[in-house]
N, C-alpha and C. Protein backbone atom coordinates (compact mmCIF):
# COMPACT_ATOMS: atom_id res chain seq x y z
N MET A 1 49.55 -30.75 65.67
CA MET A 1 50.51 -30.75 64.58
C MET A 1 51.23 -29.41 64.53
N TYR A 2 52.53 -29.46 64.31
CA TYR A 2 53.34 -28.25 64.19
C TYR A 2 53.90 -28.20 62.76
N ASP A 3 53.78 -27.06 62.14
CA ASP A 3 54.12 -26.92 60.73
C ASP A 3 55.13 -25.78 60.57
N ILE A 4 56.36 -26.13 60.16
CA ILE A 4 57.40 -25.13 59.93
C ILE A 4 57.63 -25.03 58.43
N PRO A 5 57.25 -23.92 57.80
CA PRO A 5 57.40 -23.79 56.35
C PRO A 5 58.86 -23.65 55.95
N PRO A 6 59.17 -23.92 54.70
CA PRO A 6 60.56 -23.75 54.23
C PRO A 6 60.95 -22.28 54.25
N LYS A 7 62.25 -22.04 54.41
CA LYS A 7 62.74 -20.66 54.43
C LYS A 7 63.01 -20.13 53.03
N ALA A 8 62.97 -21.03 52.06
CA ALA A 8 63.19 -20.62 50.67
C ALA A 8 62.23 -21.38 49.78
N LEU A 9 61.72 -20.71 48.77
CA LEU A 9 60.78 -21.33 47.83
C LEU A 9 61.44 -21.46 46.47
N PRO A 10 61.06 -22.48 45.68
CA PRO A 10 60.09 -23.52 46.04
C PRO A 10 60.71 -24.53 47.00
N PRO A 11 59.89 -25.22 47.80
CA PRO A 11 60.42 -26.21 48.74
C PRO A 11 60.97 -27.43 48.01
N ASP A 12 61.97 -28.05 48.61
CA ASP A 12 62.55 -29.26 48.03
C ASP A 12 61.82 -30.52 48.49
N GLY A 13 60.91 -30.39 49.46
CA GLY A 13 60.20 -31.54 49.99
C GLY A 13 59.75 -31.27 51.41
N ALA A 14 59.36 -32.33 52.09
CA ALA A 14 58.85 -32.19 53.46
C ALA A 14 59.31 -33.35 54.32
N ILE A 15 59.53 -33.08 55.60
CA ILE A 15 59.87 -34.11 56.58
C ILE A 15 58.77 -34.17 57.61
N ILE A 16 58.24 -35.37 57.84
CA ILE A 16 57.27 -35.60 58.91
C ILE A 16 58.03 -36.15 60.10
N LEU A 17 58.03 -35.39 61.21
CA LEU A 17 58.77 -35.75 62.42
C LEU A 17 57.88 -36.52 63.38
N LEU A 18 58.38 -37.66 63.87
CA LEU A 18 57.61 -38.53 64.76
C LEU A 18 58.42 -38.74 66.05
N HIS A 19 57.93 -38.19 67.15
CA HIS A 19 58.65 -38.19 68.41
C HIS A 19 58.68 -39.58 69.05
N GLY A 20 59.48 -39.70 70.10
CA GLY A 20 59.59 -40.95 70.84
C GLY A 20 58.62 -41.02 72.00
N TRP A 21 58.63 -42.17 72.69
CA TRP A 21 57.74 -42.43 73.82
C TRP A 21 57.97 -41.42 74.94
N GLY A 22 56.86 -40.83 75.42
CA GLY A 22 56.94 -39.91 76.55
C GLY A 22 57.31 -38.50 76.18
N ALA A 23 57.55 -38.23 74.91
CA ALA A 23 57.81 -36.86 74.45
C ALA A 23 56.51 -36.30 73.86
N ASN A 24 56.61 -35.33 72.99
CA ASN A 24 55.42 -34.79 72.33
C ASN A 24 55.82 -34.14 71.02
N GLY A 25 54.86 -33.52 70.35
CA GLY A 25 55.11 -32.98 69.02
C GLY A 25 56.19 -31.92 68.95
N LYS A 26 56.48 -31.25 70.07
CA LYS A 26 57.50 -30.20 70.08
C LYS A 26 58.92 -30.76 70.16
N ASP A 27 59.04 -32.01 70.54
CA ASP A 27 60.34 -32.58 70.90
C ASP A 27 61.36 -32.51 69.78
N LEU A 28 60.96 -32.80 68.55
CA LEU A 28 61.91 -32.86 67.44
C LEU A 28 61.93 -31.59 66.60
N LEU A 29 61.19 -30.57 67.00
CA LEU A 29 61.18 -29.33 66.23
C LEU A 29 62.56 -28.72 66.05
N PRO A 30 63.48 -28.83 67.04
CA PRO A 30 64.82 -28.27 66.82
C PRO A 30 65.56 -28.86 65.61
N LEU A 31 65.13 -30.02 65.14
CA LEU A 31 65.80 -30.62 63.97
C LEU A 31 65.61 -29.76 62.72
N ALA A 32 64.55 -28.98 62.68
CA ALA A 32 64.31 -28.11 61.52
C ALA A 32 65.48 -27.14 61.33
N GLU A 33 66.09 -26.70 62.42
CA GLU A 33 67.26 -25.83 62.34
C GLU A 33 68.55 -26.65 62.27
N ALA A 34 68.61 -27.71 63.06
CA ALA A 34 69.85 -28.47 63.19
C ALA A 34 70.26 -29.17 61.90
N LEU A 35 69.30 -29.57 61.09
CA LEU A 35 69.62 -30.28 59.85
C LEU A 35 70.18 -29.35 58.77
N ARG A 36 69.92 -28.05 58.92
CA ARG A 36 70.43 -27.04 57.98
C ARG A 36 70.03 -27.38 56.53
N LEU A 37 68.75 -27.68 56.38
CA LEU A 37 68.16 -27.90 55.04
C LEU A 37 66.95 -26.96 54.93
N PRO A 38 67.19 -25.68 54.71
CA PRO A 38 66.14 -24.66 54.82
C PRO A 38 65.06 -24.74 53.75
N ARG A 39 65.29 -25.51 52.68
CA ARG A 39 64.29 -25.58 51.62
C ARG A 39 63.28 -26.70 51.87
N LEU A 40 63.34 -27.33 53.05
CA LEU A 40 62.39 -28.37 53.39
C LEU A 40 61.32 -27.83 54.33
N ARG A 41 60.12 -28.38 54.22
CA ARG A 41 59.03 -28.08 55.14
C ARG A 41 59.04 -29.17 56.21
N TYR A 42 58.79 -28.79 57.47
CA TYR A 42 58.81 -29.74 58.57
C TYR A 42 57.43 -29.81 59.23
N ILE A 43 56.90 -31.03 59.33
CA ILE A 43 55.62 -31.28 59.99
C ILE A 43 55.90 -32.18 61.19
N ALA A 44 55.62 -31.70 62.39
CA ALA A 44 55.82 -32.50 63.59
C ALA A 44 54.46 -32.96 64.11
N LEU A 45 54.26 -34.27 64.13
CA LEU A 45 53.00 -34.84 64.61
C LEU A 45 53.12 -35.24 66.07
N GLU A 46 51.98 -35.50 66.70
CA GLU A 46 51.97 -35.87 68.12
C GLU A 46 51.08 -37.09 68.31
N GLY A 47 51.62 -38.11 68.99
CA GLY A 47 50.84 -39.30 69.28
C GLY A 47 49.69 -39.00 70.21
N LYS A 48 48.69 -39.87 70.18
CA LYS A 48 47.47 -39.66 70.98
C LYS A 48 47.43 -40.48 72.27
N ILE A 49 48.43 -41.33 72.49
CA ILE A 49 48.47 -42.14 73.70
C ILE A 49 49.16 -41.34 74.82
N ASP A 50 48.51 -41.26 75.97
CA ASP A 50 49.10 -40.56 77.12
C ASP A 50 50.11 -41.46 77.82
N ALA A 51 51.33 -40.95 77.93
CA ALA A 51 52.35 -41.69 78.67
C ALA A 51 52.13 -41.49 80.17
N PRO A 52 52.14 -42.57 80.95
CA PRO A 52 51.90 -42.44 82.39
C PRO A 52 52.92 -41.52 83.08
N MET A 53 52.45 -40.86 84.11
CA MET A 53 53.30 -40.03 84.98
C MET A 53 53.95 -38.85 84.25
N THR A 54 53.27 -38.34 83.22
CA THR A 54 53.79 -37.15 82.53
C THR A 54 52.82 -35.99 82.61
N GLY A 55 51.75 -36.15 83.37
CA GLY A 55 50.78 -35.07 83.50
C GLY A 55 50.08 -34.72 82.20
N GLY A 56 50.01 -35.68 81.31
CA GLY A 56 49.35 -35.44 80.03
C GLY A 56 50.23 -34.79 78.98
N HIS A 57 51.46 -34.44 79.35
CA HIS A 57 52.36 -33.78 78.40
C HIS A 57 53.15 -34.76 77.56
N GLY A 58 53.36 -35.97 78.08
CA GLY A 58 54.10 -36.99 77.34
C GLY A 58 53.16 -37.88 76.55
N LYS A 59 53.50 -38.11 75.30
CA LYS A 59 52.64 -38.88 74.40
C LYS A 59 53.40 -40.06 73.80
N GLY A 60 52.64 -40.93 73.17
CA GLY A 60 53.23 -42.05 72.46
C GLY A 60 52.34 -42.46 71.31
N TRP A 61 52.89 -43.33 70.46
CA TRP A 61 52.14 -43.84 69.31
C TRP A 61 51.43 -45.14 69.66
N PHE A 62 51.98 -45.83 70.67
CA PHE A 62 51.34 -47.01 71.25
C PHE A 62 51.91 -47.15 72.65
N MET A 63 51.16 -47.79 73.54
CA MET A 63 51.58 -47.92 74.93
C MET A 63 52.89 -48.69 75.02
N PHE A 64 53.74 -48.26 75.94
CA PHE A 64 55.01 -48.95 76.13
C PHE A 64 55.23 -49.21 77.61
N PRO A 65 55.54 -50.45 78.00
CA PRO A 65 55.58 -51.64 77.14
C PRO A 65 54.21 -51.91 76.49
N PRO A 66 54.21 -52.56 75.33
CA PRO A 66 52.96 -52.81 74.61
C PRO A 66 51.98 -53.63 75.44
N THR A 67 50.70 -53.32 75.29
CA THR A 67 49.63 -54.05 75.96
C THR A 67 48.82 -54.80 74.91
N GLU A 68 47.72 -55.42 75.33
CA GLU A 68 46.89 -56.17 74.38
C GLU A 68 46.21 -55.26 73.37
N SER A 69 46.19 -53.97 73.63
CA SER A 69 45.57 -53.03 72.69
C SER A 69 46.59 -52.44 71.72
N ALA A 70 47.82 -52.97 71.72
CA ALA A 70 48.88 -52.38 70.91
C ALA A 70 48.55 -52.37 69.42
N THR A 71 47.94 -53.44 68.93
CA THR A 71 47.66 -53.52 67.50
C THR A 71 46.74 -52.38 67.06
N GLU A 72 45.66 -52.14 67.80
CA GLU A 72 44.75 -51.06 67.44
C GLU A 72 45.41 -49.70 67.62
N GLU A 73 46.22 -49.56 68.65
CA GLU A 73 46.92 -48.28 68.85
C GLU A 73 47.85 -47.99 67.68
N ILE A 74 48.59 -49.00 67.25
CA ILE A 74 49.50 -48.82 66.12
C ILE A 74 48.72 -48.52 64.85
N ASN A 75 47.62 -49.23 64.62
CA ASN A 75 46.81 -48.99 63.43
C ASN A 75 46.24 -47.57 63.43
N SER A 76 45.78 -47.11 64.60
CA SER A 76 45.24 -45.76 64.71
C SER A 76 46.32 -44.71 64.45
N SER A 77 47.50 -44.93 65.00
CA SER A 77 48.61 -44.00 64.77
C SER A 77 49.03 -44.00 63.31
N ARG A 78 49.02 -45.18 62.70
CA ARG A 78 49.37 -45.25 61.28
C ARG A 78 48.38 -44.45 60.44
N ARG A 79 47.11 -44.55 60.75
CA ARG A 79 46.10 -43.77 60.00
C ARG A 79 46.35 -42.27 60.17
N GLN A 80 46.73 -41.86 61.37
CA GLN A 80 47.00 -40.45 61.63
C GLN A 80 48.17 -39.96 60.78
N ILE A 81 49.22 -40.75 60.70
CA ILE A 81 50.42 -40.34 59.96
C ILE A 81 50.17 -40.38 58.45
N VAL A 82 49.46 -41.41 57.99
CA VAL A 82 49.13 -41.49 56.56
C VAL A 82 48.25 -40.32 56.15
N ALA A 83 47.36 -39.88 57.04
CA ALA A 83 46.53 -38.70 56.74
C ALA A 83 47.39 -37.47 56.54
N ALA A 84 48.48 -37.35 57.31
CA ALA A 84 49.39 -36.23 57.14
C ALA A 84 50.11 -36.30 55.79
N ILE A 85 50.48 -37.51 55.38
CA ILE A 85 51.10 -37.69 54.06
C ILE A 85 50.11 -37.27 52.98
N ASP A 86 48.86 -37.72 53.10
CA ASP A 86 47.83 -37.36 52.12
C ASP A 86 47.63 -35.85 52.04
N LYS A 87 47.64 -35.19 53.19
CA LYS A 87 47.45 -33.74 53.22
C LYS A 87 48.58 -33.04 52.48
N LEU A 88 49.79 -33.50 52.67
CA LEU A 88 50.93 -32.89 51.98
C LEU A 88 50.83 -33.09 50.47
N THR A 89 50.47 -34.30 50.05
CA THR A 89 50.36 -34.54 48.61
C THR A 89 49.21 -33.74 48.01
N ASP A 90 48.11 -33.59 48.76
CA ASP A 90 47.00 -32.77 48.29
C ASP A 90 47.42 -31.31 48.12
N GLU A 91 48.40 -30.89 48.93
CA GLU A 91 48.88 -29.51 48.85
C GLU A 91 49.98 -29.34 47.81
N GLY A 92 50.31 -30.42 47.09
CA GLY A 92 51.25 -30.31 45.99
C GLY A 92 52.65 -30.81 46.26
N VAL A 93 52.91 -31.39 47.44
CA VAL A 93 54.23 -31.96 47.72
C VAL A 93 54.28 -33.37 47.14
N PRO A 94 55.17 -33.65 46.19
CA PRO A 94 55.23 -35.01 45.62
C PRO A 94 55.55 -36.04 46.70
N ALA A 95 54.90 -37.20 46.63
CA ALA A 95 55.12 -38.23 47.64
C ALA A 95 56.58 -38.64 47.73
N GLU A 96 57.29 -38.64 46.59
CA GLU A 96 58.70 -39.04 46.60
C GLU A 96 59.61 -37.98 47.21
N LYS A 97 59.03 -36.85 47.61
CA LYS A 97 59.78 -35.79 48.30
C LYS A 97 59.38 -35.68 49.77
N ILE A 98 58.68 -36.68 50.28
CA ILE A 98 58.26 -36.70 51.69
C ILE A 98 59.09 -37.73 52.44
N VAL A 99 59.65 -37.32 53.57
CA VAL A 99 60.48 -38.20 54.40
C VAL A 99 59.78 -38.43 55.74
N LEU A 100 59.72 -39.67 56.17
CA LEU A 100 59.26 -40.00 57.51
C LEU A 100 60.49 -40.12 58.40
N MET A 101 60.59 -39.28 59.44
CA MET A 101 61.75 -39.27 60.31
C MET A 101 61.30 -39.44 61.76
N GLY A 102 61.72 -40.52 62.39
CA GLY A 102 61.25 -40.79 63.74
C GLY A 102 62.36 -41.16 64.69
N PHE A 103 62.18 -40.76 65.95
CA PHE A 103 63.12 -41.13 67.02
C PHE A 103 62.48 -42.21 67.88
N SER A 104 63.24 -43.29 68.14
CA SER A 104 62.81 -44.37 69.01
C SER A 104 61.46 -44.95 68.55
N GLN A 105 60.41 -44.83 69.35
CA GLN A 105 59.10 -45.36 68.97
C GLN A 105 58.59 -44.72 67.69
N GLY A 106 58.92 -43.45 67.48
CA GLY A 106 58.53 -42.78 66.24
C GLY A 106 59.19 -43.40 65.02
N GLY A 107 60.43 -43.86 65.19
CA GLY A 107 61.10 -44.56 64.10
C GLY A 107 60.43 -45.88 63.79
N SER A 108 59.97 -46.56 64.83
CA SER A 108 59.25 -47.82 64.63
C SER A 108 57.96 -47.58 63.84
N MET A 109 57.27 -46.48 64.13
CA MET A 109 56.05 -46.16 63.38
C MET A 109 56.37 -45.86 61.92
N ALA A 110 57.46 -45.17 61.67
CA ALA A 110 57.85 -44.87 60.29
C ALA A 110 58.06 -46.16 59.49
N LEU A 111 58.73 -47.14 60.11
CA LEU A 111 58.96 -48.41 59.44
C LEU A 111 57.67 -49.20 59.30
N ASN A 112 56.78 -49.10 60.29
CA ASN A 112 55.49 -49.78 60.22
C ASN A 112 54.69 -49.28 59.02
N ILE A 113 54.71 -47.98 58.81
CA ILE A 113 53.99 -47.41 57.66
C ILE A 113 54.62 -47.88 56.37
N LEU A 114 55.94 -47.96 56.34
CA LEU A 114 56.65 -48.36 55.13
C LEU A 114 56.21 -49.72 54.64
N ILE A 115 55.94 -50.66 55.55
CA ILE A 115 55.60 -52.02 55.10
C ILE A 115 54.10 -52.31 55.13
N ASN A 116 53.31 -51.40 55.70
CA ASN A 116 51.87 -51.66 55.81
C ASN A 116 51.01 -50.70 55.00
N SER A 117 51.61 -49.80 54.30
CA SER A 117 50.85 -48.84 53.51
C SER A 117 51.39 -48.80 52.10
N GLN A 118 50.53 -48.57 51.16
CA GLN A 118 50.94 -48.43 49.77
C GLN A 118 51.26 -46.98 49.44
N LYS A 119 51.35 -46.14 50.48
CA LYS A 119 51.74 -44.75 50.29
C LYS A 119 53.26 -44.69 50.10
N LYS A 120 53.69 -44.39 48.91
CA LYS A 120 55.12 -44.30 48.63
C LYS A 120 55.66 -42.99 49.19
N VAL A 121 56.78 -43.08 49.89
CA VAL A 121 57.45 -41.88 50.38
C VAL A 121 58.88 -41.87 49.87
N GLY A 122 59.52 -40.72 50.00
CA GLY A 122 60.87 -40.58 49.46
C GLY A 122 61.92 -41.32 50.25
N ALA A 123 61.77 -41.35 51.58
CA ALA A 123 62.77 -42.01 52.42
C ALA A 123 62.22 -42.15 53.83
N VAL A 124 62.88 -43.01 54.60
CA VAL A 124 62.58 -43.19 56.02
C VAL A 124 63.87 -43.02 56.80
N VAL A 125 63.82 -42.24 57.88
CA VAL A 125 64.97 -42.04 58.76
C VAL A 125 64.58 -42.50 60.16
N VAL A 126 65.35 -43.45 60.69
CA VAL A 126 65.08 -44.01 62.02
C VAL A 126 66.25 -43.68 62.94
N MET A 127 65.98 -42.97 64.02
CA MET A 127 67.01 -42.60 64.98
C MET A 127 66.74 -43.33 66.29
N SER A 128 67.66 -44.19 66.69
CA SER A 128 67.53 -44.95 67.95
C SER A 128 66.23 -45.73 68.00
N GLY A 129 65.82 -46.26 66.87
CA GLY A 129 64.54 -46.97 66.79
C GLY A 129 64.69 -48.47 66.66
N PHE A 130 63.60 -49.12 66.31
CA PHE A 130 63.57 -50.58 66.19
C PHE A 130 62.45 -50.94 65.24
N PHE A 131 62.50 -52.16 64.72
CA PHE A 131 61.50 -52.65 63.77
C PHE A 131 60.65 -53.71 64.44
N LEU A 132 59.34 -53.44 64.52
CA LEU A 132 58.43 -54.31 65.26
C LEU A 132 57.88 -55.47 64.44
N ASP A 133 57.99 -55.40 63.13
CA ASP A 133 57.18 -56.26 62.26
C ASP A 133 57.98 -57.33 61.54
N GLN A 134 59.01 -57.87 62.16
CA GLN A 134 59.82 -58.86 61.48
C GLN A 134 59.03 -60.07 61.03
N GLU A 135 58.14 -60.59 61.87
CA GLU A 135 57.39 -61.79 61.52
C GLU A 135 56.39 -61.50 60.40
N SER A 136 55.66 -60.40 60.52
CA SER A 136 54.66 -60.08 59.50
C SER A 136 55.31 -59.70 58.17
N LEU A 137 56.56 -59.26 58.22
CA LEU A 137 57.26 -58.87 56.99
C LEU A 137 57.32 -60.04 56.01
N LYS A 138 57.45 -61.25 56.55
CA LYS A 138 57.57 -62.44 55.69
C LYS A 138 56.29 -62.71 54.90
N GLN A 139 55.17 -62.17 55.37
CA GLN A 139 53.89 -62.42 54.72
C GLN A 139 53.50 -61.30 53.75
N LYS A 140 54.33 -60.27 53.66
CA LYS A 140 53.95 -59.09 52.88
C LYS A 140 54.29 -59.26 51.40
N ASP A 141 53.37 -58.78 50.57
CA ASP A 141 53.60 -58.70 49.13
C ASP A 141 53.54 -57.24 48.71
N ASN A 142 54.08 -56.96 47.54
CA ASN A 142 53.99 -55.61 46.96
C ASN A 142 54.61 -54.54 47.85
N LEU A 143 55.69 -54.88 48.51
CA LEU A 143 56.41 -53.89 49.31
C LEU A 143 57.07 -52.86 48.40
N ILE A 144 57.08 -51.62 48.85
CA ILE A 144 57.71 -50.55 48.06
C ILE A 144 59.17 -50.48 48.48
N THR A 145 59.96 -51.41 47.96
CA THR A 145 61.34 -51.57 48.43
C THR A 145 62.27 -50.50 47.87
N GLU A 146 61.78 -49.66 46.96
CA GLU A 146 62.63 -48.60 46.42
C GLU A 146 62.90 -47.49 47.44
N THR A 147 62.09 -47.44 48.48
CA THR A 147 62.25 -46.38 49.48
C THR A 147 63.52 -46.62 50.30
N PRO A 148 64.49 -45.70 50.25
CA PRO A 148 65.73 -45.88 51.02
C PRO A 148 65.50 -45.62 52.51
N ILE A 149 66.30 -46.30 53.33
CA ILE A 149 66.17 -46.21 54.79
C ILE A 149 67.51 -45.82 55.39
N PHE A 150 67.49 -44.82 56.25
CA PHE A 150 68.64 -44.47 57.08
C PHE A 150 68.32 -44.90 58.51
N ALA A 151 69.26 -45.58 59.15
CA ALA A 151 69.06 -45.97 60.55
C ALA A 151 70.34 -45.71 61.33
N GLY A 152 70.21 -44.92 62.40
CA GLY A 152 71.34 -44.63 63.27
C GLY A 152 71.04 -45.05 64.69
N HIS A 153 72.08 -45.54 65.40
CA HIS A 153 71.85 -46.06 66.75
C HIS A 153 73.09 -45.89 67.61
N GLY A 154 72.85 -45.63 68.89
CA GLY A 154 73.95 -45.50 69.84
C GLY A 154 74.46 -46.85 70.31
N THR A 155 75.76 -46.99 70.37
CA THR A 155 76.35 -48.27 70.79
C THR A 155 76.13 -48.54 72.28
N TYR A 156 75.83 -47.48 73.05
CA TYR A 156 75.62 -47.63 74.49
C TYR A 156 74.15 -47.43 74.87
N ASP A 157 73.26 -47.59 73.91
CA ASP A 157 71.83 -47.38 74.17
C ASP A 157 71.33 -48.41 75.18
N ASN A 158 70.86 -47.92 76.34
CA ASN A 158 70.37 -48.83 77.37
C ASN A 158 68.86 -48.96 77.38
N LEU A 159 68.17 -48.25 76.49
CA LEU A 159 66.71 -48.35 76.36
C LEU A 159 66.32 -49.25 75.19
N VAL A 160 66.98 -49.07 74.07
CA VAL A 160 66.78 -49.94 72.90
C VAL A 160 68.15 -50.52 72.58
N PRO A 161 68.47 -51.71 73.11
CA PRO A 161 69.80 -52.27 72.93
C PRO A 161 70.23 -52.36 71.46
N LEU A 162 71.49 -52.04 71.22
CA LEU A 162 72.01 -51.98 69.86
C LEU A 162 71.77 -53.28 69.09
N HIS A 163 72.06 -54.43 69.70
CA HIS A 163 71.97 -55.68 68.94
C HIS A 163 70.55 -55.98 68.51
N LEU A 164 69.56 -55.62 69.35
CA LEU A 164 68.16 -55.86 68.98
C LEU A 164 67.71 -54.92 67.87
N ALA A 165 68.10 -53.66 67.98
CA ALA A 165 67.74 -52.70 66.95
C ALA A 165 68.38 -53.07 65.61
N LYS A 166 69.65 -53.40 65.66
CA LYS A 166 70.38 -53.71 64.43
C LYS A 166 69.82 -54.94 63.74
N GLU A 167 69.60 -56.00 64.50
CA GLU A 167 69.06 -57.23 63.92
C GLU A 167 67.68 -57.00 63.30
N SER A 168 66.83 -56.27 64.02
CA SER A 168 65.46 -56.08 63.53
C SER A 168 65.43 -55.19 62.29
N ILE A 169 66.16 -54.09 62.31
CA ILE A 169 66.10 -53.15 61.18
C ILE A 169 66.81 -53.71 59.96
N LEU A 170 67.96 -54.37 60.15
CA LEU A 170 68.67 -54.91 58.99
C LEU A 170 67.95 -56.10 58.37
N SER A 171 66.93 -56.65 59.05
CA SER A 171 66.12 -57.70 58.43
C SER A 171 65.38 -57.17 57.21
N LEU A 172 65.23 -55.85 57.14
CA LEU A 172 64.58 -55.25 55.97
C LEU A 172 65.41 -55.42 54.71
N ASN A 173 66.73 -55.57 54.85
CA ASN A 173 67.57 -55.83 53.68
C ASN A 173 67.16 -57.13 53.00
N ASP A 174 66.81 -58.13 53.81
CA ASP A 174 66.42 -59.44 53.26
C ASP A 174 65.12 -59.36 52.46
N ALA A 175 64.31 -58.33 52.75
CA ALA A 175 63.04 -58.16 52.04
C ALA A 175 63.22 -57.30 50.78
N GLY A 176 64.44 -56.85 50.52
CA GLY A 176 64.70 -56.08 49.31
C GLY A 176 64.91 -54.59 49.52
N PHE A 177 64.78 -54.12 50.77
CA PHE A 177 65.04 -52.72 51.05
C PHE A 177 66.55 -52.47 51.13
N THR A 178 66.93 -51.21 51.05
CA THR A 178 68.32 -50.83 51.23
C THR A 178 68.42 -49.98 52.49
N VAL A 179 69.08 -50.53 53.51
CA VAL A 179 69.23 -49.83 54.78
C VAL A 179 70.65 -49.29 54.89
N GLU A 180 70.78 -48.00 55.12
CA GLU A 180 72.07 -47.38 55.39
C GLU A 180 72.22 -47.31 56.92
N TRP A 181 73.05 -48.18 57.46
CA TRP A 181 73.16 -48.34 58.92
C TRP A 181 74.36 -47.56 59.47
N HIS A 182 74.14 -46.84 60.59
CA HIS A 182 75.21 -46.08 61.23
C HIS A 182 75.18 -46.33 62.74
N GLU A 183 76.35 -46.38 63.35
CA GLU A 183 76.47 -46.51 64.81
C GLU A 183 77.27 -45.35 65.37
N TYR A 184 76.86 -44.91 66.58
CA TYR A 184 77.49 -43.75 67.21
C TYR A 184 77.81 -44.09 68.67
N PRO A 185 78.93 -43.58 69.20
CA PRO A 185 79.32 -43.89 70.58
C PRO A 185 78.53 -43.04 71.58
N CYS A 186 77.26 -43.39 71.76
CA CYS A 186 76.39 -42.62 72.65
C CYS A 186 75.29 -43.52 73.19
N GLU A 187 74.45 -42.95 74.04
CA GLU A 187 73.32 -43.69 74.59
C GLU A 187 72.08 -43.43 73.73
N HIS A 188 70.90 -43.30 74.35
CA HIS A 188 69.64 -43.19 73.61
C HIS A 188 69.38 -41.72 73.27
N ARG A 189 70.07 -41.23 72.25
CA ARG A 189 69.92 -39.82 71.88
C ARG A 189 70.40 -39.60 70.45
N ILE A 190 70.23 -38.37 70.00
CA ILE A 190 70.66 -37.97 68.66
C ILE A 190 71.94 -37.14 68.80
N THR A 191 72.96 -37.48 68.05
CA THR A 191 74.22 -36.77 68.12
C THR A 191 74.39 -35.83 66.93
N VAL A 192 75.33 -34.90 67.08
CA VAL A 192 75.67 -33.99 65.97
C VAL A 192 76.15 -34.79 64.78
N GLU A 193 76.94 -35.83 65.04
CA GLU A 193 77.45 -36.66 63.94
C GLU A 193 76.32 -37.34 63.19
N GLU A 194 75.32 -37.81 63.92
CA GLU A 194 74.19 -38.45 63.25
C GLU A 194 73.44 -37.45 62.38
N LEU A 195 73.23 -36.24 62.89
CA LEU A 195 72.54 -35.23 62.09
C LEU A 195 73.32 -34.90 60.82
N GLN A 196 74.63 -34.88 60.91
CA GLN A 196 75.44 -34.64 59.72
C GLN A 196 75.26 -35.75 58.70
N ASP A 197 75.24 -36.99 59.19
CA ASP A 197 75.04 -38.13 58.28
C ASP A 197 73.64 -38.12 57.68
N ILE A 198 72.64 -37.73 58.47
CA ILE A 198 71.27 -37.66 57.95
C ILE A 198 71.18 -36.59 56.87
N ARG A 199 71.81 -35.45 57.09
CA ARG A 199 71.77 -34.39 56.08
C ARG A 199 72.37 -34.88 54.75
N VAL A 200 73.50 -35.55 54.82
CA VAL A 200 74.11 -36.09 53.60
C VAL A 200 73.17 -37.08 52.93
N PHE A 201 72.55 -37.94 53.72
CA PHE A 201 71.61 -38.93 53.19
C PHE A 201 70.44 -38.24 52.49
N LEU A 202 69.85 -37.23 53.14
CA LEU A 202 68.70 -36.55 52.55
C LEU A 202 69.06 -35.80 51.29
N GLU A 203 70.27 -35.23 51.26
CA GLU A 203 70.69 -34.53 50.05
C GLU A 203 70.85 -35.49 48.87
N LYS A 204 71.13 -36.76 49.16
CA LYS A 204 71.25 -37.78 48.10
C LYS A 204 69.89 -38.23 47.60
N VAL A 205 68.91 -38.37 48.50
CA VAL A 205 67.66 -39.05 48.13
C VAL A 205 66.53 -38.09 47.75
N LEU A 206 66.64 -36.81 48.11
CA LEU A 206 65.57 -35.87 47.78
C LEU A 206 65.90 -35.06 46.52
């Protein structure tokens, strides 16, 4: 875990950063500077699944493509992330001031926590991600639909196709969530324009 404290006190909240497949906990640390929100604390977590052919440096939250052990891997990763939320609240950060922000597979984990945990958070930000739980969503009760969602995606994404990501994530609107959807003319990456939109979104919800 990497912990970047706020540059000004008191803090306005905290962002839990969740990296994508084959990256690691350091991957999203530059967002702490790029978002230009110095009163936030940034916690970057690292998945425990070893990505093949990365020499142990690349991690994931569940194996990709998913295998028969995917359910347990996702459950284990969810427990890890929820523990980080609990630690922040124990340290005095209000749950409604905590944001789950994930890229690609990390974004999928953020949404998984949103519908499978009763831990209320302030917002969820998904960058180039997808929603895995469309079928199980129909069986869920007591969803915390007040949590706002930002989702951004590249129109030329060749790893997570735009139409699949859009259809899956916008299905959350049907369950009562409010998804703020954005598209960018890029491939599977984070753009300056997306970071600007995320900053505006966070300033509204925190």
